[in-house]
């Protein structure tokens, strides 16, 4: 469930001021609420001097890319598309805790020439105030390269961003948070295109049953399914369809996480126990 709180209008004004001060900007855009709000502010504050760039790789489902393209068109953004190759990097495939650093390094290596070719002064992405206190090795890549993050700089947290997005009429203001598919794979387990596609197929099965927030955590032959805590019982009621779909996706066992969805759940110690099939 999306939790909102009272917004701080001054924080949104600060973000607008920071964006204006950039002069011109290439916005790393994913279609999520954070990058969409940043893009919207850039379009309003820097008319004709803001461009969105959407990166594609096997770590992101095609369905997310399709939605991102449609949304960019709906808000009138110029959209440039690029491919990134982080999944080909050995440092990324090793899937150590610094995986996100190598991902962002590849992303910014790809985007900086785009920014140069478009004659834009800055590259920005949608980091938020919530990211400042979390383990975000990818953010370290942005900092060292001078990439800007106006939402974080303005002190905007996720609930405030959602409120601002709703006030601006952005249709994805309540879109569930999404992380790349590699985040479903425990650190130390190699990331491969095959596993990423398997996770993508598995999550699409659960989403097709009407669940918006879904994570299928990959534990070898075991798929551990997370949905919102309030949705756990409903998922269990549809366990036969879930099991059938996830076995078709290539898993031998299917487990339902009774704690429900939580960010960073792979950081917990987990040992396979009884599966629901």
Protein backbone atom coordinates (compact mmCIF):
# COMPACT_ATOMS: atom_id res chain seq x y z
CA UNK A 1 0.00 0.00 0.00
CA UNK A 2 1.28 3.47 -0.93
CA UNK A 3 1.73 5.58 2.20
CA UNK A 4 1.55 9.37 1.76
CA UNK A 5 2.22 12.19 4.17
CA UNK A 6 1.95 15.95 4.09
CA UNK A 7 4.31 17.39 1.53
CA UNK A 8 6.77 20.23 2.03
CA UNK A 9 6.07 22.80 -0.72
CA UNK A 10 9.39 24.44 0.05
CA UNK A 11 11.22 21.21 -0.83
CA UNK A 12 9.56 21.07 -4.25
CA UNK A 13 10.44 24.72 -4.80
CA UNK A 14 14.04 23.91 -3.85
CA UNK A 15 14.08 21.10 -6.39
CA UNK A 16 12.74 23.44 -9.06
CA UNK A 17 15.41 25.99 -8.23
CA UNK A 18 18.15 23.36 -8.39
CA UNK A 19 16.89 22.14 -11.75
CA UNK A 20 16.73 25.71 -13.10
CA UNK A 21 20.29 26.24 -12.00
CA UNK A 22 21.47 23.36 -14.16
CA UNK A 23 20.83 25.39 -17.31
CA UNK A 24 20.31 22.29 -19.43
CA UNK A 25 20.10 18.64 -18.49
CA UNK A 26 19.95 15.05 -19.67
CA UNK A 27 17.67 13.16 -17.27
CA UNK A 28 18.34 9.46 -16.69
CA UNK A 29 14.76 8.28 -16.97
CA UNK A 30 13.25 4.90 -16.14
CA UNK A 31 9.51 5.52 -15.99
CA UNK A 32 9.47 5.27 -12.20
CA UNK A 33 7.91 8.04 -10.15
CA UNK A 34 11.25 9.55 -9.05
CA UNK A 35 12.78 10.00 -12.49
CA UNK A 36 9.41 11.02 -13.95
CA UNK A 37 8.98 13.80 -11.41
CA UNK A 38 12.54 14.96 -12.07
CA UNK A 39 11.87 14.94 -15.80
CA UNK A 40 8.60 16.83 -15.37
CA UNK A 41 10.32 19.53 -13.33
CA UNK A 42 13.09 19.77 -15.92
CA UNK A 43 10.58 20.13 -18.76
CA UNK A 44 8.82 22.94 -16.89
CA UNK A 45 11.89 24.77 -15.64
CA UNK A 46 14.14 24.25 -18.67
CA UNK A 47 11.84 24.26 -21.72
CA UNK A 48 13.71 23.05 -24.79
CA UNK A 49 16.80 22.32 -22.72
CA UNK A 50 15.82 19.04 -21.05
CA UNK A 51 16.02 15.61 -22.66
CA UNK A 52 15.16 12.19 -21.23
CA UNK A 53 17.32 9.13 -21.85
CA UNK A 54 16.04 5.59 -21.32
CA UNK A 55 18.56 2.76 -20.94
CA UNK A 56 17.65 -0.80 -21.87
CA UNK A 57 19.35 -4.01 -20.80
CA UNK A 58 18.37 -7.59 -19.85
CA UNK A 59 18.17 -6.44 -16.22
CA UNK A 60 14.93 -4.55 -16.96
CA UNK A 61 11.68 -6.12 -18.17
CA UNK A 62 10.44 -5.10 -21.59
CA UNK A 63 7.08 -4.23 -20.05
CA UNK A 64 8.73 -1.51 -17.95
CA UNK A 65 10.40 -0.04 -21.04
CA UNK A 66 7.13 0.03 -22.96
CA UNK A 67 5.40 1.90 -20.13
CA UNK A 68 8.30 4.34 -19.82
CA UNK A 69 8.17 5.21 -23.53
CA UNK A 70 4.44 5.83 -23.42
CA UNK A 71 4.71 8.04 -20.34
CA UNK A 72 7.55 10.11 -21.80
CA UNK A 73 5.44 10.75 -24.89
CA UNK A 74 2.41 11.64 -22.75
CA UNK A 75 4.27 14.38 -20.87
CA UNK A 76 5.87 15.75 -24.03
CA UNK A 77 9.46 14.75 -23.38
CA UNK A 78 12.08 14.21 -26.02
CA UNK A 79 13.31 10.67 -25.42
CA UNK A 80 16.64 9.19 -26.44
CA UNK A 81 17.17 5.46 -26.01
CA UNK A 82 20.42 3.62 -25.39
CA UNK A 83 21.50 0.07 -24.59
CA UNK A 84 23.77 -0.68 -21.66
CA UNK A 85 25.95 -3.76 -21.21
CA UNK A 86 26.38 -4.09 -17.47
CA UNK A 87 25.34 -7.76 -17.54
CA UNK A 88 28.41 -8.46 -19.68
CA UNK A 89 30.79 -7.12 -17.05
CA UNK A 90 32.54 -9.72 -14.91
CA UNK A 91 32.36 -7.40 -11.89
CA UNK A 92 28.59 -7.20 -12.32
CA UNK A 93 28.11 -10.92 -12.97
CA UNK A 94 29.99 -11.77 -9.76
CA UNK A 95 27.12 -10.09 -7.95
CA UNK A 96 29.05 -8.87 -4.94
CA UNK A 97 27.54 -6.12 -2.74
CA UNK A 98 29.14 -3.51 -5.03
CA UNK A 99 27.19 -4.73 -8.09
CA UNK A 100 25.17 -1.51 -8.31
CA UNK A 101 28.37 0.54 -8.46
CA UNK A 102 29.45 -1.27 -11.61
CA UNK A 103 25.96 -0.92 -13.05
CA UNK A 104 25.96 2.85 -12.55
CA UNK A 105 29.49 3.10 -13.92
CA UNK A 106 28.33 1.42 -17.13
CA UNK A 107 25.21 3.60 -17.23
CA UNK A 108 27.08 6.87 -16.82
CA UNK A 109 29.83 5.77 -19.23
CA UNK A 110 27.04 5.34 -21.77
CA UNK A 111 25.10 8.50 -20.96
CA UNK A 112 27.92 11.02 -20.73
CA UNK A 113 28.71 10.87 -24.48
CA UNK A 114 24.97 11.32 -25.14
CA UNK A 115 24.94 14.42 -22.97
CA UNK A 116 28.00 15.76 -24.80
CA UNK A 117 26.52 15.11 -28.23
CA UNK A 118 23.30 16.94 -27.28
CA UNK A 119 25.23 19.89 -25.88
CA UNK A 120 23.62 19.62 -22.46
CA UNK A 121 25.42 20.93 -19.39
CA UNK A 122 24.50 18.28 -16.83
CA UNK A 123 23.44 14.68 -16.30
CA UNK A 124 20.89 14.08 -13.54
CA UNK A 125 19.07 11.12 -12.05
CA UNK A 126 16.26 10.56 -9.59
CA UNK A 127 18.01 9.72 -6.32
CA UNK A 128 15.90 10.70 -3.29
CA UNK A 129 16.49 11.70 0.32
CA UNK A 130 15.64 8.11 1.32
CA UNK A 131 18.67 6.92 -0.65
CA UNK A 132 21.09 9.01 1.41
CA UNK A 133 20.77 6.77 4.47
CA UNK A 134 20.68 3.45 2.63
CA UNK A 135 23.36 1.19 1.19
CA UNK A 136 23.54 2.58 -2.35
CA UNK A 137 26.93 1.82 -3.93
CA UNK A 138 25.59 3.05 -7.26
CA UNK A 139 25.10 6.50 -5.78
CA UNK A 140 28.83 6.65 -5.08
CA UNK A 141 29.45 6.40 -8.82
CA UNK A 142 27.16 9.36 -9.41
CA UNK A 143 28.83 11.46 -6.74
CA UNK A 144 32.35 10.88 -7.99
CA UNK A 145 31.35 11.77 -11.54
CA UNK A 146 29.51 14.95 -10.67
CA UNK A 147 26.10 13.62 -11.71
CA UNK A 148 23.35 15.72 -10.16
CA UNK A 149 20.38 14.48 -8.12
CA UNK A 150 18.04 17.45 -7.54
CA UNK A 151 15.37 15.54 -5.61
CA UNK A 152 17.89 14.34 -3.04
CA UNK A 153 19.61 17.72 -2.97
CA UNK A 154 16.25 19.32 -2.18
CA UNK A 155 15.59 16.81 0.62
CA UNK A 156 12.56 15.19 -1.01
CA UNK A 157 11.67 11.73 0.29
CA UNK A 158 9.53 9.13 -1.44
CA UNK A 159 6.13 10.05 0.05
CA UNK A 160 6.76 13.72 -0.76
CA UNK A 161 7.76 12.81 -4.30
CA UNK A 162 4.55 10.85 -4.76
CA UNK A 163 2.49 13.77 -3.50
CA UNK A 164 4.29 16.18 -5.80
CA UNK A 165 3.84 13.83 -8.73
CA UNK A 166 0.12 13.51 -8.00
CA UNK A 167 -0.23 17.29 -7.74
CA UNK A 168 1.42 17.65 -11.15
CA UNK A 169 -0.96 15.10 -12.66
CA UNK A 170 1.63 12.40 -13.30
CA UNK A 171 -0.27 9.13 -13.83
CA UNK A 172 2.43 6.99 -12.23
CA UNK A 173 2.45 8.84 -8.88
CA UNK A 174 1.41 5.62 -7.13
CA UNK A 175 3.43 3.21 -9.27
CA UNK A 176 5.01 0.52 -7.06
CA UNK A 177 8.73 0.84 -6.52
CA UNK A 178 10.81 -1.21 -8.91
CA UNK A 179 14.42 -2.32 -8.81
CA UNK A 180 16.35 -4.10 -11.54
CA UNK A 181 15.85 -7.83 -11.89
CA UNK A 182 19.37 -8.49 -10.62
CA UNK A 183 18.17 -7.41 -7.18
CA UNK A 184 16.22 -10.68 -7.01
CA UNK A 185 19.45 -12.70 -7.06
CA UNK A 186 21.35 -13.16 -3.76
CA UNK A 187 24.82 -11.66 -3.58
CA UNK A 188 27.40 -14.24 -4.57
CA UNK A 189 25.09 -15.98 -7.05
CA UNK A 190 26.18 -15.11 -10.57
CA UNK A 191 23.93 -12.88 -12.62
CA UNK A 192 23.25 -14.28 -16.07
CA UNK A 193 20.87 -13.26 -18.82
CA UNK A 194 19.16 -16.65 -18.50
CA UNK A 195 18.41 -16.14 -14.80
CA UNK A 196 17.21 -12.58 -15.41
CA UNK A 197 14.80 -13.79 -18.07
CA UNK A 198 13.60 -16.57 -15.76
CA UNK A 199 12.84 -14.06 -13.01
CA UNK A 200 11.11 -11.79 -15.52
CA UNK A 201 8.86 -14.63 -16.68
CA UNK A 202 8.08 -15.64 -13.11
CA UNK A 203 7.13 -12.14 -11.99
CA UNK A 204 4.95 -11.64 -15.05
CA UNK A 205 2.97 -14.74 -14.00
CA UNK A 206 2.18 -13.27 -10.59
CA UNK A 207 1.45 -9.80 -11.93
CA UNK A 208 -0.99 -11.30 -14.42
CA UNK A 209 -3.00 -12.55 -11.42
CA UNK A 210 -3.58 -8.96 -10.33
CA UNK A 211 -0.68 -8.30 -7.95
CA UNK A 212 1.02 -4.95 -8.48
CA UNK A 213 4.01 -5.22 -6.13
CA UNK A 214 5.81 -8.50 -6.84
CA UNK A 215 9.28 -9.85 -6.22
CA UNK A 216 10.38 -13.35 -7.16
CA UNK A 217 13.62 -13.95 -5.29
CA UNK A 218 15.83 -16.43 -7.09
CA UNK A 219 17.34 -19.18 -4.90
CA UNK A 220 18.50 -21.65 -7.52
CA UNK A 221 15.67 -24.15 -8.01
CA UNK A 222 13.52 -22.28 -5.48
CA UNK A 223 11.45 -19.19 -6.27
CA UNK A 224 10.54 -17.19 -3.16
CA UNK A 225 7.55 -15.02 -3.93
CA UNK A 226 6.92 -11.72 -2.17
CA UNK A 227 3.77 -9.60 -2.47
CA UNK A 228 2.44 -6.86 -0.20
CA UNK A 229 1.69 -8.25 3.30
CA UNK A 230 -2.01 -7.56 2.85
CA UNK A 231 -2.00 -9.59 -0.36
CA UNK A 232 -0.33 -12.73 1.02
CA UNK A 233 -3.57 -14.54 1.79
CA UNK A 234 -4.98 -13.78 -1.66
CA UNK A 235 -1.82 -15.10 -3.30
CA UNK A 236 -2.01 -18.27 -1.22
CA UNK A 237 -5.59 -18.76 -2.41
CA UNK A 238 -4.22 -18.77 -5.97
CA UNK A 239 -1.26 -20.99 -5.17
CA UNK A 240 -2.09 -23.57 -7.84
CA UNK A 241 -1.89 -20.98 -10.61
CA UNK A 242 1.27 -19.52 -9.07
CA UNK A 243 2.98 -22.88 -8.78
CA UNK A 244 2.02 -23.88 -12.30
CA UNK A 245 3.25 -20.61 -13.77
CA UNK A 246 6.54 -20.51 -11.88
CA UNK A 247 7.32 -24.13 -12.67
CA UNK A 248 6.70 -23.28 -16.31
CA UNK A 249 9.21 -20.45 -15.84
CA UNK A 250 11.82 -23.04 -14.82
CA UNK A 251 11.62 -23.34 -11.04
CA UNK A 252 11.34 -26.69 -9.28
CA UNK A 253 9.99 -25.37 -5.98
CA UNK A 254 7.81 -22.36 -5.19
CA UNK A 255 7.79 -20.72 -1.74
CA UNK A 256 5.57 -17.93 -0.47
CA UNK A 257 7.29 -15.45 1.86
CA UNK A 258 4.76 -14.99 4.65
CA UNK A 259 6.40 -11.73 5.75
CA UNK A 260 5.43 -10.19 2.44
CA UNK A 261 7.35 -7.75 0.28
CA UNK A 262 10.16 -5.71 1.81
CA UNK A 263 13.07 -3.90 0.23
CA UNK A 264 16.44 -5.50 0.77
CA UNK A 265 14.98 -8.81 1.86
CA UNK A 266 17.86 -10.67 0.22
CA UNK A 267 20.14 -9.11 2.81
CA UNK A 268 18.49 -11.35 5.39
CA UNK A 269 19.90 -14.79 6.04
CA UNK A 270 17.54 -17.25 4.38
CA UNK A 271 17.63 -21.00 4.05
CA UNK A 272 15.17 -22.88 1.85
CA UNK A 273 12.48 -24.51 3.92
CA UNK A 274 9.15 -26.01 3.03
CA UNK A 275 7.82 -24.78 -0.29
CA UNK A 276 4.15 -24.56 -1.17
CA UNK A 277 4.62 -27.29 -3.73
